[in-house]
Structure formats: structure tokens, C-alpha cells
């Protein structure tokens, strides 16, 4: 069935505010830009290590730099790309397409340590999208089988480790080539969305933020700084004396990945007046399914969803993982059935949510779930995807690409669909096609993050598609998206 649908979007989505422009960093005091305070684990006598900002002369962009405070004030001690890790080892962040590692830098003078406040940046009045999820730093490196055998690790497995085991592995990796990044499924989606909405194409620039839990350790500052560099604000205060969660990904030459997860403070996300205030200023709340693994956080998720619905925001839930759904099936449905407006899942996750057998088709799962959730997105790898609405489903053909790395494809797909909603789209087929193109772009590259230039080109193509027509069409007989 085909109906003409007016281009319309919810009132809270249509009134969007542009992100305030960044101005050059001040000299005294440093109080109008994000700044991150943490201490070196073993500083020289009389010194404590903090983070300040430097600015690239070439493009005038803010960049963070390690500074040391001594008896005579602050001095530059290390590059923007490294700081002390556990056991005194140095680690280097992975280069992203927008990194300017070879550009000249200016040092920024700082008057006092007290001026360095994690929440000192000027924030927008409303957030287009707020993500609630796990904040984990990813360490990824190439190792051989001998490395795994020495540490007693079984190749190709995923294992939860404690603080001591994490330190032992990181010390063993000292001298190896590896990268660190602000990782996680949710952060992949948020970064892609921020890059798609970085320019006022088809509407104001989008304001994207995340809340979660990080420690007051160097990794916590690193996580916040890397997200901010990608134009995603991490709004939660660090937990004093807490340790930031990490995922160590060890890849052998035969492409097998061994993953070691350390939860740290990411296992606890508290609901407090600050979080409630942020949610009240949000258009779309995205809840990461991996949080269901954390019993202490389920109450926070429920309260956050209730507050979002009370304030008129849309609630989106990512299914995240089949085993997670199976272990926490009732908790998933408590959130999905009572609060979710949108669910993102792959075919296996959708079947798990439906309690369907593996032989059941993804389109059947999409149709079934859409009886309980207004909009359901079910991806099926290279076979395409389905958008379920009111018991019907729209098929979205796959976008052609030469696959390089499928990791992060679903995260990219979700970002594209959210972008379409925020830009006022109501054509499910068109928004699904955009989401499929974004996913194919990520699959055709190495790494999980949508590149800046690719994001701009994709956003421009979507804007052009909708500017050319005042009426769009959907392949299901449903109300337009603003009816959510």
C-alpha cells in the first residue's frame, strides 16, 4: 500500500538550535572551553600532571596537550597524543581522518589548576540526541599466537577481566604497536551522527551528547577529549578515584580477535537531578542495550526513559547483543514495551527479542516487533534491511560496496536513520536508503567511524533528495513519523 505523507516532524524535533561556534582559546583564565583534569600516576617531585588546550596554527582548531604544574606554573611536557598509562607505559591514540598530528601548535597558558573544570564549555540550550551508554576506551593491537599463549589467553574468545589482569595485559603490550580510542557501539553512532549534522545542511547543525560513567583517571580524560574532538559532548562528571572501563582487542595475523573487557566505573550509571535536567532538554534519547548487563543501571535506564517520555522526547533502544537479550529478556521488554519509540536490531537480535526460531525471516521479526514499538529497524547484513511500522515492513536494498570491515555497520545504520528523523524526513524508504549508504561506507573502510568528508557528502545527498520534493511517499499504510 502506498500513501502520500506530508513532510512533518514532532514539535520538539523541529525547533532545533545551532551549536555555538568555538572561539579561539583565552589566555587567562581557561574557563570557556572544555578542559579535563587528571593526575599523572607518578609525577616528578613537585609536579602534578593536568590537561590544557593548544590550538593548531594551520586551522585554528582546539587540541588538548599534556601540561605539568610545578613551582613556577605550567609547562609543556608531552605531545597531544600520549600520556602515562598503567605501569608507567605510554600509549598513543589512533589517528582519525581529521587528526592534525603534523601541524604546528600553540601552547595555552593557564593561571591556576582550579580553572580546569570538566564542565567549563559553553553548552547549547537543547540536545538533538543524547546517548546513555557504556563509556569504554578501546585498546586495539596486532599480536601473535605466542603473545596470547604467554598470557594464557584463548584465541578468539571474549573475557571479562579485573583491574589486575588488565594491568598485566597492558604491561605486556608495552612496546607493541597498538591504538587507543573512545570506543563502544553507542559512541560510534553518536560520532557518525555528529559528523552528518556538523554543518547546517537541511537544518541547523546538530547538538549531540552522551552520558555514562568514567573515572577520574587519565583514561577518563582521554575518553572525554576524544569524543569532544568529534563534536560529541560527554556530560557526566568523572567518578572520584574511579577507573574507566576498557576493552582490549588483540588481533592475530589470521584475523581472529581476542577481547578482554574491564568494566571499571562503567558498570554504574546513576540517575540524579543533573541527568534528569539534561534529559528534559533532549529531543531523542538513545539507550544502549549493553547497559542491561549492568543490574545497578537498569533502574537508571527506566527512570531516564520515563523522564524522556514525560518531556516529549523520542526514546530509541539499541538491541546490542543476542546473548545480552537472552540473559535479560524481561528487562529488555520492560523498557522496549513500555517506553521505546524506535528499536535498532540486527536479524539475530530481532529474532531473540521475538523468541523466534533461527529459521524465521527478518521481515517477520520486523513486522512482529512493530506491533509493540512504533518504528523498528532490522538489518540483515549484505541482504539489506527492513523498517517495521504497524505490523508492516518496508524492504531497504543493500547499498553496494566492497566489504573491508563489517564492524560498526549497524552503528552507522542507526546514525543515518536518526539523522533522517532529525532532518524532518517522513519517507521510510528514503531514510532507510540513506542509512544503508552510510553503513556501506563504513563497511568499505578500515575502522568503525564514519569519516568527516564522507559524512558531509552523504548529508548533502540526503538534503538534495528532500529539497527537490514537497511530498514524499512511504511503502506502508501508516501515519507519518510525527505521529510518534
Protein backbone atom coordinates (compact mmCIF):
# COMPACT_ATOMS: atom_id res chain seq x y z
CA UNK A 1 0.00 0.00 0.00
CA UNK A 2 1.35 3.44 -0.84
CA UNK A 3 0.27 6.71 0.72
CA UNK A 4 1.39 10.29 0.24
CA UNK A 5 2.73 11.62 3.53
CA UNK A 6 3.31 15.27 4.44
CA UNK A 7 6.80 16.23 5.48
CA UNK A 8 6.36 16.71 9.19
CA UNK A 9 8.24 16.08 12.39
CA UNK A 10 7.48 16.35 16.10
CA UNK A 11 7.42 19.87 17.56
CA UNK A 12 10.36 19.05 19.82
CA UNK A 13 12.39 17.89 16.81
CA UNK A 14 11.56 20.78 14.50
CA UNK A 15 12.73 23.53 16.87
CA UNK A 16 16.45 22.89 16.80
CA UNK A 17 19.15 25.23 17.96
CA UNK A 18 22.54 25.50 16.24
CA UNK A 19 25.67 24.64 18.15
CA UNK A 20 27.55 27.74 19.30
CA UNK A 21 30.79 28.31 17.38
CA UNK A 22 34.09 27.68 19.08
CA UNK A 23 36.10 30.82 19.57
CA UNK A 24 39.89 30.96 20.00
CA UNK A 25 41.07 29.79 23.41
CA UNK A 26 41.57 32.54 26.00
CA UNK A 27 44.77 33.04 27.93
CA UNK A 28 43.56 33.77 31.48
CA UNK A 29 41.60 32.00 32.77
CA UNK A 30 40.78 28.92 30.71
CA UNK A 31 37.07 28.85 31.52
CA UNK A 32 35.06 28.94 28.29
CA UNK A 33 36.17 25.71 26.63
CA UNK A 34 36.08 22.07 27.75
CA UNK A 35 39.08 21.19 29.89
CA UNK A 36 39.94 17.97 31.62
CA UNK A 37 41.72 17.46 34.90
CA UNK A 38 43.56 14.33 35.88
CA UNK A 39 46.78 13.48 37.69
CA UNK A 40 49.87 11.67 36.49
CA UNK A 41 50.23 8.36 38.40
CA UNK A 42 53.92 9.05 39.18
CA UNK A 43 54.68 12.73 38.57
CA UNK A 44 58.14 14.22 39.17
CA UNK A 45 58.70 15.75 42.59
CA UNK A 46 56.68 18.94 42.98
CA UNK A 47 54.60 18.35 39.84
CA UNK A 48 51.07 17.18 39.06
CA UNK A 49 50.01 16.40 35.51
CA UNK A 50 46.94 18.13 34.04
CA UNK A 51 45.38 18.66 30.64
CA UNK A 52 45.17 22.06 28.96
CA UNK A 53 44.47 23.11 25.38
CA UNK A 54 46.62 24.11 22.46
CA UNK A 55 45.42 25.46 19.11
CA UNK A 56 46.57 24.47 15.66
CA UNK A 57 48.02 27.45 13.77
CA UNK A 58 47.04 25.84 10.49
CA UNK A 59 43.28 25.57 11.06
CA UNK A 60 42.67 27.24 14.38
CA UNK A 61 41.23 24.09 15.97
CA UNK A 62 41.35 23.33 19.67
CA UNK A 63 43.56 20.45 20.69
CA UNK A 64 44.47 19.11 24.10
CA UNK A 65 48.03 18.88 25.36
CA UNK A 66 49.64 17.42 28.45
CA UNK A 67 50.91 20.08 30.85
CA UNK A 68 52.84 19.86 34.10
CA UNK A 69 52.28 22.20 37.02
CA UNK A 70 55.36 22.95 39.06
CA UNK A 71 56.60 25.64 41.42
CA UNK A 72 56.71 28.21 38.58
CA UNK A 73 53.41 27.39 36.92
CA UNK A 74 52.61 25.19 33.93
CA UNK A 75 54.99 23.87 31.31
CA UNK A 76 54.50 21.70 28.21
CA UNK A 77 55.77 18.17 28.86
CA UNK A 78 54.37 15.78 26.23
CA UNK A 79 52.62 15.62 22.89
CA UNK A 80 48.86 15.84 22.45
CA UNK A 81 48.78 12.17 21.55
CA UNK A 82 50.15 10.32 24.56
CA UNK A 83 50.08 10.16 28.32
CA UNK A 84 51.10 7.77 31.04
CA UNK A 85 49.12 4.54 31.24
CA UNK A 86 49.12 1.80 33.82
CA UNK A 87 52.51 0.75 35.00
CA UNK A 88 54.02 3.92 33.57
CA UNK A 89 53.63 2.75 29.96
CA UNK A 90 52.85 5.33 27.31
CA UNK A 91 50.03 4.75 24.83
CA UNK A 92 49.16 6.65 21.70
CA UNK A 93 45.70 7.37 20.37
CA UNK A 94 44.65 6.05 16.99
CA UNK A 95 44.76 8.61 14.20
CA UNK A 96 41.45 9.69 12.78
CA UNK A 97 40.88 11.33 9.43
CA UNK A 98 40.58 14.77 10.98
CA UNK A 99 43.69 14.48 13.15
CA UNK A 100 46.38 17.03 12.52
CA UNK A 101 49.34 15.27 14.05
CA UNK A 102 51.88 17.11 11.92
CA UNK A 103 50.55 20.62 12.35
CA UNK A 104 52.17 23.31 14.43
CA UNK A 105 50.73 24.01 17.86
CA UNK A 106 50.45 26.91 20.24
CA UNK A 107 50.73 26.46 23.96
CA UNK A 108 47.94 27.88 26.09
CA UNK A 109 48.92 29.45 29.35
CA UNK A 110 46.83 28.51 32.37
CA UNK A 111 46.73 30.56 35.54
CA UNK A 112 45.52 28.07 38.10
CA UNK A 113 44.63 24.40 38.35
CA UNK A 114 41.22 25.30 39.77
CA UNK A 115 40.24 26.85 36.45
CA UNK A 116 40.43 23.48 34.72
CA UNK A 117 36.87 22.21 35.00
CA UNK A 118 35.39 19.34 33.00
CA UNK A 119 32.11 21.20 32.54
CA UNK A 120 33.50 24.61 31.67
CA UNK A 121 32.46 24.63 28.00
CA UNK A 122 29.51 26.64 26.77
CA UNK A 123 26.69 24.16 26.12
CA UNK A 124 23.64 24.51 23.86
CA UNK A 125 20.18 25.01 25.33
CA UNK A 126 18.88 21.72 23.86
CA UNK A 127 20.37 18.43 22.70
CA UNK A 128 19.15 16.87 19.48
CA UNK A 129 20.37 13.44 20.58
CA UNK A 130 21.56 12.24 23.98
CA UNK A 131 23.12 8.78 24.28
CA UNK A 132 23.01 6.81 27.52
CA UNK A 133 25.58 4.03 27.43
CA UNK A 134 28.87 2.50 28.46
CA UNK A 135 31.97 4.66 28.23
CA UNK A 136 34.84 2.35 27.37
CA UNK A 137 38.31 3.05 25.99
CA UNK A 138 39.27 0.57 23.27
CA UNK A 139 42.86 -0.66 23.00
CA UNK A 140 43.43 -2.49 19.73
CA UNK A 141 46.66 -4.08 18.62
CA UNK A 142 48.18 -6.80 16.45
CA UNK A 143 49.79 -9.71 18.34
CA UNK A 144 50.94 -13.23 17.53
CA UNK A 145 49.84 -16.57 18.98
CA UNK A 146 52.90 -16.67 21.23
CA UNK A 147 51.77 -13.44 22.91
CA UNK A 148 48.38 -14.98 23.73
CA UNK A 149 49.94 -18.22 24.95
CA UNK A 150 52.29 -16.39 27.34
CA UNK A 151 49.30 -14.63 28.91
CA UNK A 152 47.18 -17.80 28.97
CA UNK A 153 44.51 -16.31 26.67
CA UNK A 154 42.34 -18.43 24.40
CA UNK A 155 42.31 -17.04 20.88
CA UNK A 156 39.02 -15.73 19.53
CA UNK A 157 37.22 -15.50 22.87
CA UNK A 158 35.69 -12.62 24.84
CA UNK A 159 36.51 -12.45 28.53
CA UNK A 160 35.73 -10.13 31.45
CA UNK A 161 38.90 -9.27 33.39
CA UNK A 162 39.60 -7.49 36.66
CA UNK A 163 41.86 -4.50 37.29
CA UNK A 164 44.99 -6.58 37.92
CA UNK A 165 44.53 -8.68 34.78
CA UNK A 166 44.01 -5.58 32.68
CA UNK A 167 47.23 -4.07 34.00
CA UNK A 168 49.13 -7.28 33.31
CA UNK A 169 47.99 -7.34 29.67
CA UNK A 170 48.71 -3.64 29.08
CA UNK A 171 52.20 -4.01 30.55
CA UNK A 172 52.80 -6.97 28.25
CA UNK A 173 51.72 -4.81 25.32
CA UNK A 174 54.28 -2.13 26.17
CA UNK A 175 56.45 -1.81 23.07
CA UNK A 176 53.81 -3.31 20.78
CA UNK A 177 52.04 -1.26 18.14
CA UNK A 178 48.52 -0.54 19.31
CA UNK A 179 45.93 2.22 19.36
CA UNK A 180 43.54 3.69 21.89
CA UNK A 181 40.16 5.16 21.03
CA UNK A 182 36.95 6.31 22.70
CA UNK A 183 35.16 3.11 21.79
CA UNK A 184 31.78 1.49 22.09
CA UNK A 185 28.79 0.84 19.87
CA UNK A 186 26.88 3.91 21.07
CA UNK A 187 29.81 6.28 20.63
CA UNK A 188 30.22 5.04 17.03
CA UNK A 189 26.62 6.04 16.29
CA UNK A 190 26.90 9.38 18.07
CA UNK A 191 30.13 10.35 16.31
CA UNK A 192 28.66 9.44 12.92
CA UNK A 193 25.52 11.46 13.70
CA UNK A 194 27.56 14.47 14.86
CA UNK A 195 29.58 14.36 11.64
CA UNK A 196 26.46 14.05 9.48
CA UNK A 197 25.00 17.05 11.29
CA UNK A 198 28.18 19.08 11.65
CA UNK A 199 27.08 21.60 9.01
CA UNK A 200 23.74 23.36 8.56
CA UNK A 201 22.71 21.15 5.63
CA UNK A 202 18.93 20.80 5.55
CA UNK A 203 18.69 22.36 9.01
CA UNK A 204 20.79 23.73 11.88
CA UNK A 205 23.94 21.91 12.97
CA UNK A 206 23.07 19.08 15.35
CA UNK A 207 23.94 19.05 19.05
CA UNK A 208 24.96 15.55 20.16
CA UNK A 209 25.89 14.41 23.67
CA UNK A 210 26.48 11.30 25.75
CA UNK A 211 26.16 10.40 29.41
CA UNK A 212 27.75 7.43 31.10
CA UNK A 213 30.40 6.73 33.68
CA UNK A 214 34.13 7.40 33.56
CA UNK A 215 36.76 7.57 36.28
CA UNK A 216 38.97 10.47 37.29
CA UNK A 217 41.94 8.57 35.83
CA UNK A 218 43.83 9.54 32.63
CA UNK A 219 41.67 7.22 30.55
CA UNK A 220 38.56 9.12 31.61
CA UNK A 221 40.03 12.40 30.45
CA UNK A 222 41.16 10.76 27.23
CA UNK A 223 37.66 9.41 26.53
CA UNK A 224 36.00 12.78 27.07
CA UNK A 225 38.58 14.63 24.99
CA UNK A 226 38.34 12.24 22.04
CA UNK A 227 34.55 12.48 21.92
CA UNK A 228 34.67 16.25 22.19
CA UNK A 229 37.11 16.33 19.30
CA UNK A 230 34.45 14.52 17.27
CA UNK A 231 31.87 17.16 18.35
CA UNK A 232 30.16 14.87 20.87
CA UNK A 233 29.91 16.28 24.39
CA UNK A 234 30.38 13.83 27.26
CA UNK A 235 28.34 15.43 30.03
CA UNK A 236 28.82 13.14 33.05
CA UNK A 237 31.25 14.18 35.77
CA UNK A 238 34.13 11.77 36.44
CA UNK A 239 33.83 9.50 39.45
CA UNK A 240 36.45 10.42 42.02
CA UNK A 241 39.13 7.72 42.37
CA UNK A 242 37.24 5.63 39.79
CA UNK A 243 38.80 3.66 36.94
CA UNK A 244 37.50 3.99 33.39
CA UNK A 245 36.35 0.82 31.65
CA UNK A 246 38.39 -0.61 28.80
CA UNK A 247 38.14 -3.21 26.06
CA UNK A 248 41.43 -4.69 24.85
CA UNK A 249 41.16 -6.15 21.35
CA UNK A 250 44.06 -8.41 20.37
CA UNK A 251 44.07 -9.40 16.69
CA UNK A 252 46.29 -12.18 15.38
CA UNK A 253 47.54 -12.41 11.77
CA UNK A 254 44.75 -14.89 10.93
CA UNK A 255 42.20 -12.11 11.76
CA UNK A 256 40.93 -13.75 14.98
CA UNK A 257 40.06 -11.21 17.66
CA UNK A 258 40.50 -11.87 21.37
CA UNK A 259 38.64 -9.36 23.53
CA UNK A 260 39.25 -8.53 27.20
CA UNK A 261 36.65 -6.33 28.86
CA UNK A 262 37.19 -4.43 32.10
CA UNK A 263 34.04 -2.70 33.35
CA UNK A 264 35.57 -0.26 35.82
CA UNK A 265 33.19 2.55 36.73
CA UNK A 266 31.20 2.00 33.52
CA UNK A 267 29.28 -0.68 35.43
CA UNK A 268 27.44 2.04 37.36
CA UNK A 269 25.45 4.87 35.80
CA UNK A 270 23.47 6.80 38.39
CA UNK A 271 20.24 8.72 37.86
CA UNK A 272 20.46 12.12 39.55
CA UNK A 273 18.98 15.62 39.15
CA UNK A 274 21.76 16.54 36.71
CA UNK A 275 20.87 13.67 34.36
CA UNK A 276 17.17 14.47 34.68
CA UNK A 277 17.87 18.08 33.70
CA UNK A 278 19.85 17.02 30.64
CA UNK A 279 17.12 14.62 29.50
CA UNK A 280 14.49 17.36 29.85
CA UNK A 281 16.38 19.32 27.18
CA UNK A 282 16.71 16.39 24.76
CA UNK A 283 14.86 15.61 21.52
CA UNK A 284 15.89 11.94 21.17
CA UNK A 285 17.27 9.72 23.94
CA UNK A 286 19.25 6.68 22.70
CA UNK A 287 19.71 3.87 25.24
CA UNK A 288 22.47 1.32 24.61
CA UNK A 289 21.39 -2.30 25.06
CA UNK A 290 24.69 -3.32 26.63
CA UNK A 291 23.59 -1.46 29.77
CA UNK A 292 21.18 -4.33 30.51
CA UNK A 293 24.26 -6.32 31.53
CA UNK A 294 24.65 -3.97 34.50
CA UNK A 295 21.97 -4.70 37.14
CA UNK A 296 22.61 -1.47 39.06
CA UNK A 297 22.00 0.58 35.91
CA UNK A 298 18.60 -0.84 34.85
CA UNK A 299 16.77 1.44 37.30
CA UNK A 300 18.62 4.40 35.81
CA UNK A 301 17.56 3.36 32.31
CA UNK A 302 13.92 3.09 33.37
CA UNK A 303 13.88 6.49 35.08
CA UNK A 304 15.69 8.09 32.12
CA UNK A 305 13.14 6.70 29.66
CA UNK A 306 10.24 7.81 31.84
CA UNK A 307 11.64 11.32 32.05
CA UNK A 308 12.24 11.44 28.31
CA UNK A 309 8.67 10.44 27.56
CA UNK A 310 7.34 12.92 30.13
CA UNK A 311 9.28 15.71 28.39
CA UNK A 312 8.11 14.71 24.89
CA UNK A 313 11.39 13.20 23.66
CA UNK A 314 11.61 10.12 21.46
CA UNK A 315 13.24 7.04 23.02
CA UNK A 316 15.41 4.77 20.87
CA UNK A 317 16.88 1.47 22.12
CA UNK A 318 19.73 -0.47 20.52
CA UNK A 319 19.46 -4.25 20.94
CA UNK A 320 23.28 -4.55 21.01
CA UNK A 321 23.83 -8.29 21.53
CA UNK A 322 21.89 -11.58 21.26
CA UNK A 323 23.34 -13.12 24.41
CA UNK A 324 22.58 -9.94 26.35
CA UNK A 325 18.94 -10.12 25.20
CA UNK A 326 18.68 -13.78 26.18
CA UNK A 327 20.11 -13.16 29.65
CA UNK A 328 17.95 -10.09 30.32
CA UNK A 329 14.88 -10.77 28.23
CA UNK A 330 12.32 -9.48 30.75
CA UNK A 331 14.32 -6.32 31.43
CA UNK A 332 14.60 -5.61 27.71
CA UNK A 333 10.86 -5.89 27.22
CA UNK A 334 10.18 -3.73 30.28
CA UNK A 335 11.96 -0.88 28.51
CA UNK A 336 11.09 -1.74 24.89
CA UNK A 337 7.43 -2.49 25.52
CA UNK A 338 6.72 0.49 27.77
CA UNK A 339 9.00 3.26 26.60
CA UNK A 340 10.65 2.71 23.20
CA UNK A 341 9.61 4.65 20.08
CA UNK A 342 12.41 3.16 17.98
CA UNK A 343 14.34 -0.12 18.20
CA UNK A 344 17.54 -0.85 16.26
CA UNK A 345 18.48 -4.53 15.90
CA UNK A 346 20.13 -6.92 13.51
CA UNK A 347 18.26 -10.02 12.32
CA UNK A 348 19.59 -12.29 15.09
CA UNK A 349 18.82 -9.74 17.80
CA UNK A 350 15.33 -9.16 16.41
CA UNK A 351 14.61 -12.88 16.44
CA UNK A 352 15.86 -13.08 20.03
CA UNK A 353 13.53 -10.24 21.06
CA UNK A 354 10.62 -12.07 19.40
CA UNK A 355 11.59 -15.51 20.76
CA UNK A 356 11.64 -16.67 17.12
CA UNK A 357 13.49 -19.70 15.83
CA UNK A 358 16.58 -19.09 13.63
CA UNK A 359 14.62 -20.14 10.53
CA UNK A 360 12.20 -17.20 10.90
CA UNK A 361 12.83 -14.37 8.44
CA UNK A 362 13.95 -10.87 9.47
CA UNK A 363 10.86 -9.36 7.84
CA UNK A 364 8.67 -11.48 10.12
CA UNK A 365 10.57 -10.20 13.15
CA UNK A 366 10.28 -6.59 11.96
CA UNK A 367 6.53 -6.96 11.46
CA UNK A 368 6.04 -8.63 14.84
CA UNK A 369 8.06 -6.08 16.81
CA UNK A 370 6.27 -3.19 15.11
CA UNK A 371 3.06 -4.21 16.87
CA UNK A 372 4.72 -3.12 20.12
CA UNK A 373 7.13 -0.37 19.02
CA UNK A 374 6.17 2.45 16.60
CA UNK A 375 9.28 2.04 14.43
CA UNK A 376 11.60 -0.96 14.17
CA UNK A 377 14.82 -1.20 12.16
CA UNK A 378 16.13 -4.71 11.42
CA UNK A 379 19.36 -5.06 9.46
CA UNK A 380 20.27 -8.28 7.66
CA UNK A 381 23.87 -7.75 6.60
CA UNK A 382 24.51 -7.87 2.82
CA UNK A 383 20.87 -8.88 2.20
CA UNK A 384 19.51 -5.45 3.12
CA UNK A 385 17.28 -4.25 5.94
CA UNK A 386 13.65 -3.79 6.96
CA UNK A 387 11.73 -0.93 8.57
CA UNK A 388 8.71 -2.16 10.52
CA UNK A 389 5.68 0.07 11.21
CA UNK A 390 2.26 -1.04 12.50
CA UNK A 391 2.60 -4.66 11.51
CA UNK A 392 4.01 -3.98 8.03
CA UNK A 393 7.58 -3.71 6.78
CA UNK A 394 9.48 -1.75 4.14
CA UNK A 395 12.39 -3.54 2.47
CA UNK A 396 15.58 -1.47 2.06
CA UNK A 397 18.01 -2.91 -0.53
CA UNK A 398 21.69 -3.02 0.46
CA UNK A 399 23.94 -0.26 -0.79
CA UNK A 400 26.73 -1.72 -2.96
CA UNK A 401 30.26 -1.73 -1.56
CA UNK A 402 33.40 -3.84 -1.39
CA UNK A 403 33.45 -5.04 2.23
CA UNK A 404 36.62 -4.37 4.19
CA UNK A 405 35.49 -4.39 7.83
CA UNK A 406 31.88 -5.10 8.87
CA UNK A 407 32.43 -4.00 12.48
CA UNK A 408 30.34 -0.91 13.20
CA UNK A 409 27.92 -1.31 10.28
CA UNK A 410 24.83 -1.43 12.49
CA UNK A 411 26.02 1.58 14.49
CA UNK A 412 26.40 3.58 11.27
CA UNK A 413 22.97 2.47 10.04
CA UNK A 414 21.32 3.73 13.25
CA UNK A 415 23.02 7.12 12.90
CA UNK A 416 21.64 7.53 9.39
CA UNK A 417 18.09 6.82 10.42
CA UNK A 418 18.28 9.19 13.39
CA UNK A 419 19.70 11.85 11.10
CA UNK A 420 16.76 11.44 8.73
CA UNK A 421 14.27 11.88 11.58
CA UNK A 422 16.02 14.98 12.90
CA UNK A 423 16.07 16.50 9.42
CA UNK A 424 12.29 16.16 9.21
CA UNK A 425 12.13 13.19 6.87
CA UNK A 426 8.99 11.06 6.85
CA UNK A 427 9.77 8.77 3.91
CA UNK A 428 10.80 5.47 5.46
CA UNK A 429 12.26 4.18 2.22
CA UNK A 430 14.37 7.31 1.71
CA UNK A 431 15.69 7.37 5.26
CA UNK A 432 16.41 3.64 5.17
CA UNK A 433 18.29 4.09 1.90
CA UNK A 434 20.42 6.83 3.47
CA UNK A 435 21.11 4.61 6.49
CA UNK A 436 22.12 1.74 4.19
CA UNK A 437 24.50 4.03 2.26
CA UNK A 438 26.14 5.18 5.49
CA UNK A 439 26.53 1.60 6.68
CA UNK A 440 28.04 0.57 3.33
CA UNK A 441 30.51 3.47 3.54
CA UNK A 442 31.75 2.25 6.94
CA UNK A 443 31.87 -1.39 5.79
CA UNK A 444 34.03 -0.33 2.83
CA UNK A 445 36.77 1.16 5.04
CA UNK A 446 39.05 0.06 7.85
CA UNK A 447 37.66 1.17 11.20
CA UNK A 448 34.23 1.75 12.73
CA UNK A 449 33.95 5.54 12.47
CA UNK A 450 32.29 7.40 9.59
CA UNK A 451 34.85 9.78 8.10
CA UNK A 452 34.19 13.51 8.15
CA UNK A 453 34.25 14.08 4.38
CA UNK A 454 32.08 11.02 3.72
CA UNK A 455 29.58 12.29 6.28
CA UNK A 456 29.35 15.71 4.64
CA UNK A 457 28.80 14.21 1.18
CA UNK A 458 26.12 11.83 2.46
CA UNK A 459 24.33 14.64 4.31
CA UNK A 460 24.39 16.80 1.17
CA UNK A 461 22.92 13.99 -0.94
CA UNK A 462 20.09 13.49 1.58
CA UNK A 463 19.33 17.22 1.69
CA UNK A 464 19.23 17.40 -2.11
CA UNK A 465 16.81 14.47 -2.25
CA UNK A 466 14.34 16.17 0.08
CA UNK A 467 14.73 19.72 -1.22
CA UNK A 468 13.54 18.54 -4.62
CA UNK A 469 10.08 17.50 -3.47
CA UNK A 470 7.43 18.89 -1.16
CA UNK A 471 5.74 15.50 -0.75
CA UNK A 472 7.34 12.16 -0.01
CA UNK A 473 5.93 8.65 -0.12
CA UNK A 474 6.06 5.60 2.09
CA UNK A 475 5.54 1.97 1.16
CA UNK A 476 3.42 1.21 4.23
CA UNK A 477 -0.02 2.46 5.08
CA UNK A 478 0.98 4.24 8.29
CA UNK A 479 0.81 7.66 9.77
CA UNK A 480 3.74 9.96 9.16
CA UNK A 481 6.64 9.86 11.57
CA UNK A 482 5.45 12.84 13.58
CA UNK A 483 2.65 10.63 14.94
CA UNK A 484 5.24 9.02 17.26
